[in-house]
Structures are given as C-alpha cells and as structure tokens.
C-alpha cells in the first residue's frame, strides 16, 4: 500500500516578474548608521570567504496559532555551535523540521527543511520523529566536520550521511520525510539536494531566478526517505504492494552561483501548496525594497550596500524580527498560514486538485504544517 498524503478537508506589490534562468544539474528607506563590528571567520586553508549567508527560520504547526515571536529562529554564526534549533527542545513546527548550522568552524553553512509525510499516520506512525531526527543528524554531522574536510562537504553528501546516521542510530524506528537541503560556500557556490515536494526558490531583484521542481510518484505522493519496520514491509509484500522508499541518491542535485542580494527561500509544501513563486517574489520584493535592501538604480532594481547592516542582529528596528532575513521568514510563514485557511481563494494545491480530480470540487487553501528558512546572500565588504 503506497504511503500517500491524503487530501484535507494581503495586498502585495503589482509588477511583472522576470523568469531569468536555471542552474546546472549534476547528472543527472533607510540610511545606514555606523557599521557595527562583526566577527570574522578564518577559512584561509579552505575556500576564500567572499560571501556570507544571513539566515532565519520561521514555522507554524498545523492547528496552532502562528506566534511570530516564538515561532522564529535567527541564526547567529558566532553562536551556531551552541545555539542551534536542536540545542534544546524541538521547534514547534509539527511534522516539519529545519536545521541551520556551520560546517565545522568555517564560514560555510548547511541548512534546509524536511517534511514528515503525513500518510504514515494511517499506520499509527508519527513521521515527526523521522523528519526532526534527520535534521538533527545533518546538523550534527556538519558541525563536527574535521578541518581538512570542511571545504569538501556538499549537500548530496550531507543528505546521504544524515540518512545513514538516522538508520544506524535506531532511535527512530519508522517514518518518512521529504528533504530540501543546501550547503553554502564562502566563494558563493551553493549546492542543493532536493527530494520530494519541499523545495526552494532563488530570487533576485524583480526576478524569479530559479525555482525547484517537486519530485512525485503520483499526485500528492512525494518522493521520500523512510524507515519501514520489518513487519510492515513483510505485510506489504504479502499483499503484493511495493513500499515507497526512495534513497538520497534519488534527490535532484543542483549547483548555483550566488551574488550579492540574492534571497533564498527553502520551504515545505505548507508554503508551496498555498503560495506561488510569483506570490513569494511580490512579498519578498515588498520587504526588500521597503527596508532598502533592494533599490531602484540606473538599469532597474539592484541590491544595495545596506544589506550587510540590515542582515545583522539589530539591523531592523524591531524587537523580535530585528534582521531583514527574520522579517522575510515571518512574513512568508504568516502569508502562507493565512492563505492555507482561506476557503475562497484557490491556491496552487487547489488548482492541482481541480486539474487531476475535478469531481473533488476543492477550493481555497490547504491547511498544513509550515516551515520556512530564508537566507540573504551578502558579499563581504573589504576592510581595505
């Protein structure tokens, strides 16, 4: 029996986005105050530290009120080894999970989202254990990379090693999850491994530069990493069923080149089922332009020199969302939450249901767990 996800019963800027390009695939209105002194990270024996990734995450579990203050994690590179989302209790993100952390003691970062597949609940299994466990394992592996290997870790390796660790540890006995993870390097190269229907988008001023495509076996049946208990596996085979159990090597792996001002949004399907790429571009643009992270210039809209300050803690004059990436993460989660509960405005999921199952008469949004990781890419300013 296939493990499937069952069907469950703001005003923005107006402009025309430009779809610019794609990545290469493997085989497959603020004036800037005095700039604060920021910590630097030595990677002299690795890749030159030209770019940094300013990251925040926001989340909201299905059936719970969204709390912008409590449902927010801001990544601080200098505190990452002791202040990650898995240093204490789980984030309140339901079956969705995320991780953000350094690769060893370098400036390289690993981050991403996972989404426990809800169909496992039909067998009495909560996939939250699997999705959170996978994120915890990947964060731990990245954090403990040895000095001579820190510059060599890639997203495809991290996904494989994280999955192997979850299986070997035997703490999680069953469950399944999608995954969309990345490793960002100091030279501005980013590798992404995406398996299933979580995904990511790379935005530039007034442009959707890249948008990942979901991997599904059938409608609402995503690729998934899983651990299947022996008894369940035997029962399925006895009835002639083939289990859905994909492997890390089945992930779509892409390489990307970052530039100053790029905005990366990694999210579970609680976002993609309710907001389109164009919706996200409008929402991100409104905030990036409003806070002067992007601004009009001679040849259009471009990233400003204010980004370094705006993406540091306290760069935005708010008590909680006090960085531009935190503002974006909270805004996206909040918008997706509202869209999911809107019974009249059809979102991407509703349009897909109407396409494949017109008799269902599905309208509105799709209520689900929501998890978002936002990274703003900043080109480090020379002190010279």
Protein backbone atom coordinates (compact mmCIF):
# COMPACT_ATOMS: atom_id res chain seq x y z
CA UNK A 1 0.00 0.00 0.00
CA UNK A 2 1.55 3.28 -1.02
CA UNK A 3 2.15 5.88 1.65
CA UNK A 4 0.31 8.96 0.42
CA UNK A 5 -0.60 12.36 1.74
CA UNK A 6 -4.41 12.40 1.94
CA UNK A 7 -6.47 15.34 0.76
CA UNK A 8 -7.53 17.50 3.71
CA UNK A 9 -10.73 18.84 4.14
CA UNK A 10 -2.74 40.70 1.82
CA UNK A 11 -2.20 43.02 -0.53
CA UNK A 12 1.13 42.94 -2.40
CA UNK A 13 3.09 44.92 -4.96
CA UNK A 14 1.90 44.73 -8.54
CA UNK A 15 4.57 44.24 -11.18
CA UNK A 16 5.61 41.74 -13.81
CA UNK A 17 8.29 39.32 -12.64
CA UNK A 18 11.01 38.12 -14.98
CA UNK A 19 11.93 34.44 -15.15
CA UNK A 20 15.66 34.57 -15.79
CA UNK A 21 17.37 31.24 -15.84
CA UNK A 22 18.19 27.91 -14.29
CA UNK A 23 21.01 26.16 -12.52
CA UNK A 24 23.24 23.46 -13.96
CA UNK A 25 22.21 19.99 -12.95
CA UNK A 26 24.54 17.19 -11.94
CA UNK A 27 23.86 14.13 -13.91
CA UNK A 28 21.92 14.00 -13.87
CA UNK A 29 14.11 53.64 3.29
CA UNK A 30 16.99 53.52 5.48
CA UNK A 31 20.26 55.35 5.68
CA UNK A 32 22.97 53.20 7.14
CA UNK A 33 24.17 54.07 10.63
CA UNK A 34 27.75 53.43 11.65
CA UNK A 35 28.58 49.89 10.69
CA UNK A 36 28.84 47.55 13.68
CA UNK A 37 31.95 45.48 14.20
CA UNK A 38 31.20 41.91 13.17
CA UNK A 39 33.06 38.71 13.87
CA UNK A 40 35.14 37.27 11.04
CA UNK A 41 35.87 33.62 10.37
CA UNK A 42 39.15 32.33 9.07
CA UNK A 43 38.96 29.98 6.12
CA UNK A 44 42.45 30.62 4.77
CA UNK A 45 43.01 26.91 4.23
CA UNK A 46 39.61 26.48 2.58
CA UNK A 47 37.60 28.43 0.02
CA UNK A 48 38.03 32.24 0.19
CA UNK A 49 35.34 33.78 2.39
CA UNK A 50 33.78 36.22 -0.10
CA UNK A 51 30.10 35.68 0.66
CA UNK A 52 28.11 35.05 3.81
CA UNK A 53 24.60 33.69 4.28
CA UNK A 54 22.37 35.57 6.73
CA UNK A 55 19.70 33.07 7.79
CA UNK A 56 16.46 32.95 9.76
CA UNK A 57 13.69 30.36 10.03
CA UNK A 58 10.00 30.66 10.86
CA UNK A 59 7.41 27.93 11.30
CA UNK A 60 3.86 27.16 12.35
CA UNK A 61 2.37 23.79 13.20
CA UNK A 62 -0.98 22.83 11.72
CA UNK A 63 -3.88 23.62 14.01
CA UNK A 64 -1.91 26.11 16.13
CA UNK A 65 -1.99 29.89 16.12
CA UNK A 66 1.09 31.42 14.50
CA UNK A 67 3.30 33.22 17.01
CA UNK A 68 5.78 35.47 15.14
CA UNK A 69 7.84 35.93 18.30
CA UNK A 70 8.07 32.32 19.47
CA UNK A 71 7.98 30.61 16.06
CA UNK A 72 11.20 32.24 14.88
CA UNK A 73 14.84 31.16 14.86
CA UNK A 74 17.59 33.62 13.94
CA UNK A 75 20.91 32.07 13.01
CA UNK A 76 23.95 33.72 14.60
CA UNK A 77 27.13 32.36 13.05
CA UNK A 78 29.28 33.06 16.10
CA UNK A 79 26.84 31.19 18.37
CA UNK A 80 25.85 28.44 15.96
CA UNK A 81 27.71 25.63 17.71
CA UNK A 82 25.72 26.10 20.91
CA UNK A 83 22.60 27.97 19.81
CA UNK A 84 21.10 25.87 17.03
CA UNK A 85 17.42 24.85 16.87
CA UNK A 86 18.30 21.38 18.19
CA UNK A 87 20.38 22.58 21.15
CA UNK A 88 17.22 22.28 23.27
CA UNK A 89 13.68 21.07 22.62
CA UNK A 90 12.17 20.64 19.17
CA UNK A 91 10.85 23.69 17.37
CA UNK A 92 7.06 23.92 17.44
CA UNK A 93 6.80 23.03 13.76
CA UNK A 94 4.73 19.84 13.79
CA UNK A 95 5.95 17.21 11.33
CA UNK A 96 8.01 19.84 9.52
CA UNK A 97 11.57 20.42 10.66
CA UNK A 98 14.60 22.54 9.78
CA UNK A 99 18.25 22.95 10.63
CA UNK A 100 20.85 25.69 10.24
CA UNK A 101 24.48 25.42 11.26
CA UNK A 102 28.10 25.94 10.43
CA UNK A 103 30.25 23.38 8.66
CA UNK A 104 32.87 22.75 11.33
CA UNK A 105 34.38 26.06 12.44
CA UNK A 106 34.35 27.52 8.92
CA UNK A 107 32.16 30.22 7.44
CA UNK A 108 30.41 27.63 5.27
CA UNK A 109 26.85 26.87 6.30
CA UNK A 110 24.44 23.95 5.96
CA UNK A 111 20.70 24.44 6.17
CA UNK A 112 17.40 23.10 4.95
CA UNK A 113 13.92 21.77 5.66
CA UNK A 114 12.29 18.36 5.95
CA UNK A 115 8.62 17.38 6.00
CA UNK A 116 7.37 14.23 7.68
CA UNK A 117 4.95 12.51 5.30
CA UNK A 118 1.51 12.56 6.88
CA UNK A 119 0.30 9.35 5.23
CA UNK A 120 2.27 7.32 7.76
CA UNK A 121 -0.35 8.27 10.36
CA UNK A 122 -2.68 5.71 8.71
CA UNK A 123 -0.37 3.09 10.23
CA UNK A 124 -0.19 4.83 13.61
CA UNK A 125 3.25 6.33 12.92
CA UNK A 126 4.17 9.97 13.56
CA UNK A 127 6.71 10.99 10.93
CA UNK A 128 7.78 13.98 13.02
CA UNK A 129 10.32 11.73 14.71
CA UNK A 130 11.90 10.95 11.36
CA UNK A 131 11.92 14.50 9.95
CA UNK A 132 13.26 16.08 13.15
CA UNK A 133 15.74 13.26 13.61
CA UNK A 134 17.06 13.69 10.07
CA UNK A 135 17.57 17.42 10.59
CA UNK A 136 19.31 16.83 13.91
CA UNK A 137 21.64 14.29 12.33
CA UNK A 138 22.58 16.57 9.43
CA UNK A 139 23.22 19.49 11.78
CA UNK A 140 25.42 17.29 13.96
CA UNK A 141 27.42 15.94 11.00
CA UNK A 142 28.03 19.43 9.61
CA UNK A 143 29.05 20.82 12.99
CA UNK A 144 31.59 18.05 13.59
CA UNK A 145 33.32 18.15 10.20
CA UNK A 146 37.08 17.94 10.58
CA UNK A 147 39.31 20.79 9.48
CA UNK A 148 40.65 19.10 6.36
CA UNK A 149 37.17 18.15 5.11
CA UNK A 150 35.10 21.26 5.86
CA UNK A 151 35.53 22.72 2.38
CA UNK A 152 34.54 19.46 0.71
CA UNK A 153 31.10 18.82 2.25
CA UNK A 154 28.30 19.04 -0.29
CA UNK A 155 24.53 18.83 0.10
CA UNK A 156 24.30 15.44 -1.60
CA UNK A 157 26.90 14.01 0.82
CA UNK A 158 25.20 15.56 3.83
CA UNK A 159 21.79 14.13 2.92
CA UNK A 160 23.25 10.64 2.47
CA UNK A 161 25.26 10.76 5.70
CA UNK A 162 22.36 12.22 7.67
CA UNK A 163 20.01 9.50 6.49
CA UNK A 164 22.58 6.78 7.20
CA UNK A 165 23.02 8.15 10.72
CA UNK A 166 19.28 8.12 11.45
CA UNK A 167 19.06 4.50 10.27
CA UNK A 168 22.17 3.40 12.19
CA UNK A 169 21.25 5.14 15.46
CA UNK A 170 17.97 3.17 15.65
CA UNK A 171 16.39 5.92 17.72
CA UNK A 172 13.75 6.36 15.01
CA UNK A 173 12.09 3.06 14.15
CA UNK A 174 9.82 4.16 11.31
CA UNK A 175 8.51 7.07 9.30
CA UNK A 176 9.22 9.03 6.15
CA UNK A 177 10.16 12.53 5.10
CA UNK A 178 10.92 14.76 2.15
CA UNK A 179 14.05 16.93 2.29
CA UNK A 180 15.43 20.06 0.66
CA UNK A 181 18.89 20.98 1.98
CA UNK A 182 21.84 23.12 0.95
CA UNK A 183 25.49 23.77 1.70
CA UNK A 184 26.57 27.34 1.03
CA UNK A 185 30.26 28.04 0.46
CA UNK A 186 32.22 31.20 1.13
CA UNK A 187 33.02 31.62 -2.56
CA UNK A 188 29.31 31.97 -3.36
CA UNK A 189 28.68 28.46 -4.66
CA UNK A 190 25.64 26.66 -3.32
CA UNK A 191 24.71 23.03 -3.78
CA UNK A 192 21.14 21.91 -3.15
CA UNK A 193 19.78 18.38 -2.78
CA UNK A 194 16.01 18.24 -3.10
CA UNK A 195 13.99 15.06 -2.65
CA UNK A 196 10.20 15.20 -2.69
CA UNK A 197 7.83 18.14 -2.69
CA UNK A 198 9.57 20.52 -0.34
CA UNK A 199 11.61 22.95 -2.39
CA UNK A 200 13.43 26.23 -2.75
CA UNK A 201 13.48 29.38 -4.82
CA UNK A 202 16.31 31.79 -5.67
CA UNK A 203 15.14 35.39 -6.02
CA UNK A 204 16.90 38.42 -7.44
CA UNK A 205 15.54 41.97 -7.73
CA UNK A 206 12.31 41.71 -9.74
CA UNK A 207 13.15 38.16 -10.81
CA UNK A 208 12.49 34.52 -10.03
CA UNK A 209 15.96 33.30 -10.97
CA UNK A 210 15.49 29.63 -10.12
CA UNK A 211 12.65 27.52 -8.76
CA UNK A 212 12.98 23.84 -7.90
CA UNK A 213 10.57 21.26 -9.24
CA UNK A 214 8.80 18.75 -6.95
CA UNK A 215 9.52 15.03 -7.24
CA UNK A 216 6.40 12.89 -7.00
CA UNK A 217 5.47 9.30 -7.81
CA UNK A 218 1.88 10.42 -8.38
CA UNK A 219 -0.33 13.32 -7.40
CA UNK A 220 0.19 14.16 -3.70
CA UNK A 221 2.64 11.25 -3.36
CA UNK A 222 6.13 12.71 -2.97
CA UNK A 223 9.49 11.04 -3.11
CA UNK A 224 10.51 10.30 0.46
CA UNK A 225 13.28 8.91 2.58
CA UNK A 226 11.91 6.38 5.01
CA UNK A 227 12.46 3.64 7.55
CA UNK A 228 9.97 0.81 7.12
CA UNK A 229 9.56 -1.64 10.03
CA UNK A 230 10.23 -5.27 9.00
CA UNK A 231 6.73 -6.43 9.94
CA UNK A 232 5.13 -3.69 7.87
CA UNK A 233 7.43 -4.45 4.95
CA UNK A 234 6.57 -8.17 5.10
CA UNK A 235 2.84 -7.43 5.26
CA UNK A 236 3.04 -5.13 2.24
CA UNK A 237 4.94 -7.72 0.22
CA UNK A 238 2.44 -10.41 1.19
CA UNK A 239 -0.29 -8.33 -0.41
CA UNK A 240 1.84 -7.60 -3.47
CA UNK A 241 2.50 -3.96 -2.62
CA UNK A 242 5.74 -2.14 -3.19
CA UNK A 243 6.74 0.34 -0.46
CA UNK A 244 7.62 3.90 -1.31
CA UNK A 245 11.17 4.22 -0.07
CA UNK A 246 13.45 6.44 -2.09
CA UNK A 247 17.14 6.97 -1.41
CA UNK A 248 19.29 10.09 -1.03
CA UNK A 249 20.85 9.37 -4.43
CA UNK A 250 17.39 9.95 -5.97
CA UNK A 251 17.49 13.60 -4.93
CA UNK A 252 17.67 16.26 -7.61
CA UNK A 253 21.09 17.88 -7.07
CA UNK A 254 21.74 21.35 -8.48
CA UNK A 255 24.62 23.81 -8.27
CA UNK A 256 24.09 27.56 -8.08
CA UNK A 257 26.25 30.67 -8.12
CA UNK A 258 25.23 33.35 -5.65
CA UNK A 259 25.57 37.09 -5.95
CA UNK A 260 25.09 39.97 -3.52
CA UNK A 261 21.43 40.45 -2.60
CA UNK A 262 20.13 37.04 -3.65
CA UNK A 263 17.31 35.76 -1.45
CA UNK A 264 16.92 32.00 -0.98
CA UNK A 265 13.65 30.58 0.36
CA UNK A 266 13.62 26.91 1.43
CA UNK A 267 10.18 25.71 2.47
CA UNK A 268 7.96 22.69 2.98
CA UNK A 269 4.81 22.14 0.95
CA UNK A 270 2.78 24.07 3.51
CA UNK A 271 4.14 27.08 1.65
CA UNK A 272 4.22 25.78 -1.93
CA UNK A 273 0.65 24.41 -1.74
CA UNK A 274 -0.61 27.87 -0.81
CA UNK A 275 1.73 30.43 -2.41
CA UNK A 276 3.12 30.54 -5.93
CA UNK A 277 6.61 31.64 -6.93
CA UNK A 278 5.14 34.94 -8.09
CA UNK A 279 3.40 35.40 -4.73
CA UNK A 280 6.74 34.95 -2.98
CA UNK A 281 8.56 37.32 -5.32
CA UNK A 282 5.99 40.04 -4.65
CA UNK A 283 6.13 39.50 -0.89
CA UNK A 284 9.93 39.42 -0.73
CA UNK A 285 10.26 42.41 -3.06
CA UNK A 286 7.88 44.49 -0.96
CA UNK A 287 10.03 43.95 2.12
CA UNK A 288 13.44 44.12 0.43
CA UNK A 289 12.56 47.40 -1.27
CA UNK A 290 10.72 48.76 1.77
CA UNK A 291 13.76 48.28 4.00
CA UNK A 292 16.18 49.45 1.28
CA UNK A 293 17.85 46.09 0.79
CA UNK A 294 16.95 46.35 -2.88
CA UNK A 295 16.56 49.75 -4.57
CA UNK A 296 15.96 51.33 -7.96
CA UNK A 297 19.10 52.07 -9.92
CA UNK A 298 20.00 53.19 -13.44
CA UNK A 299 19.39 49.82 -15.06
CA UNK A 300 16.46 48.65 -12.92
CA UNK A 301 16.36 47.32 -9.36
CA UNK A 302 19.50 46.11 -7.61
CA UNK A 303 20.88 45.10 -4.21
CA UNK A 304 22.18 47.91 -2.01
CA UNK A 305 25.27 48.28 0.18
CA UNK A 306 22.96 48.46 3.22
CA UNK A 307 22.42 44.70 3.25
CA UNK A 308 25.39 43.95 5.48
CA UNK A 309 23.89 46.11 8.24
CA UNK A 310 20.25 45.17 7.63
CA UNK A 311 21.03 41.46 8.00
CA UNK A 312 22.92 41.78 11.29
CA UNK A 313 21.12 41.45 14.61
CA UNK A 314 19.52 44.81 15.34
CA UNK A 315 19.71 45.95 11.72
CA UNK A 316 15.93 46.26 11.68
CA UNK A 317 14.36 48.38 14.42
CA UNK A 318 12.01 45.66 15.68
CA UNK A 319 12.08 43.80 18.98
CA UNK A 320 11.97 40.27 17.55
CA UNK A 321 12.27 40.33 13.76
CA UNK A 322 15.33 42.53 14.10
CA UNK A 323 17.06 41.48 10.89
CA UNK A 324 15.88 41.54 7.30
CA UNK A 325 16.00 37.76 6.93
CA UNK A 326 13.84 37.38 10.05
CA UNK A 327 11.32 39.86 8.64
CA UNK A 328 11.12 37.83 5.43
CA UNK A 329 10.82 34.46 7.18
CA UNK A 330 7.99 35.66 9.42
CA UNK A 331 6.21 37.40 6.54
CA UNK A 332 6.28 34.27 4.35
CA UNK A 333 5.08 31.99 7.15
CA UNK A 334 2.30 34.41 8.06
CA UNK A 335 1.18 34.80 4.46
CA UNK A 336 1.18 31.05 3.86
CA UNK A 337 -0.77 30.50 7.09
CA UNK A 338 -3.46 32.96 6.05
CA UNK A 339 -3.66 31.52 2.54
CA UNK A 340 -4.00 27.99 3.92
CA UNK A 341 -7.10 28.97 5.88
CA UNK A 342 -8.70 30.98 3.08
CA UNK A 343 -11.64 28.94 1.80
CA UNK A 344 -12.39 31.14 -1.22
CA UNK A 345 -9.08 31.97 -2.91
CA UNK A 346 -7.69 28.94 -4.74
CA UNK A 347 -4.00 28.28 -4.15
CA UNK A 348 -1.57 26.08 -6.13
CA UNK A 349 -2.79 22.88 -4.42
CA UNK A 350 -6.44 23.62 -5.15
CA UNK A 351 -5.62 24.22 -8.80
CA UNK A 352 -3.78 20.89 -8.96
CA UNK A 353 -6.72 19.04 -7.40
CA UNK A 354 -9.09 20.64 -9.90
CA UNK A 355 -6.77 19.55 -12.71
CA UNK A 356 -6.41 15.90 -11.68
CA UNK A 357 -9.66 15.34 -9.73
CA UNK A 358 -12.27 17.82 -11.00
CA UNK A 359 -15.01 15.97 -9.16
CA UNK A 360 -13.47 16.83 -5.78
CA UNK A 361 -14.59 20.50 -6.04
CA UNK A 362 -11.67 21.55 -3.85
CA UNK A 363 -11.44 25.32 -3.26
CA UNK A 364 -9.28 27.58 -1.12
CA UNK A 365 -6.02 26.80 0.62
CA UNK A 366 -4.56 23.64 2.14
CA UNK A 367 -4.02 23.57 5.89
CA UNK A 368 -0.69 22.01 6.79
CA UNK A 369 2.44 22.46 8.87
CA UNK A 370 4.59 25.31 7.56
CA UNK A 371 8.35 25.72 7.76
CA UNK A 372 10.49 28.37 6.05
CA UNK A 373 14.23 29.02 6.01
CA UNK A 374 15.34 32.30 4.43
CA UNK A 375 18.94 33.11 3.51
CA UNK A 376 20.06 36.51 2.23
CA UNK A 377 23.40 36.37 0.46
CA UNK A 378 25.78 39.22 1.32
CA UNK A 379 29.09 39.93 -0.35
CA UNK A 380 31.52 40.67 2.44
CA UNK A 381 32.92 44.18 2.38
CA UNK A 382 36.68 44.56 2.32
CA UNK A 383 38.26 46.49 5.17
CA UNK A 384 40.81 47.87 2.76
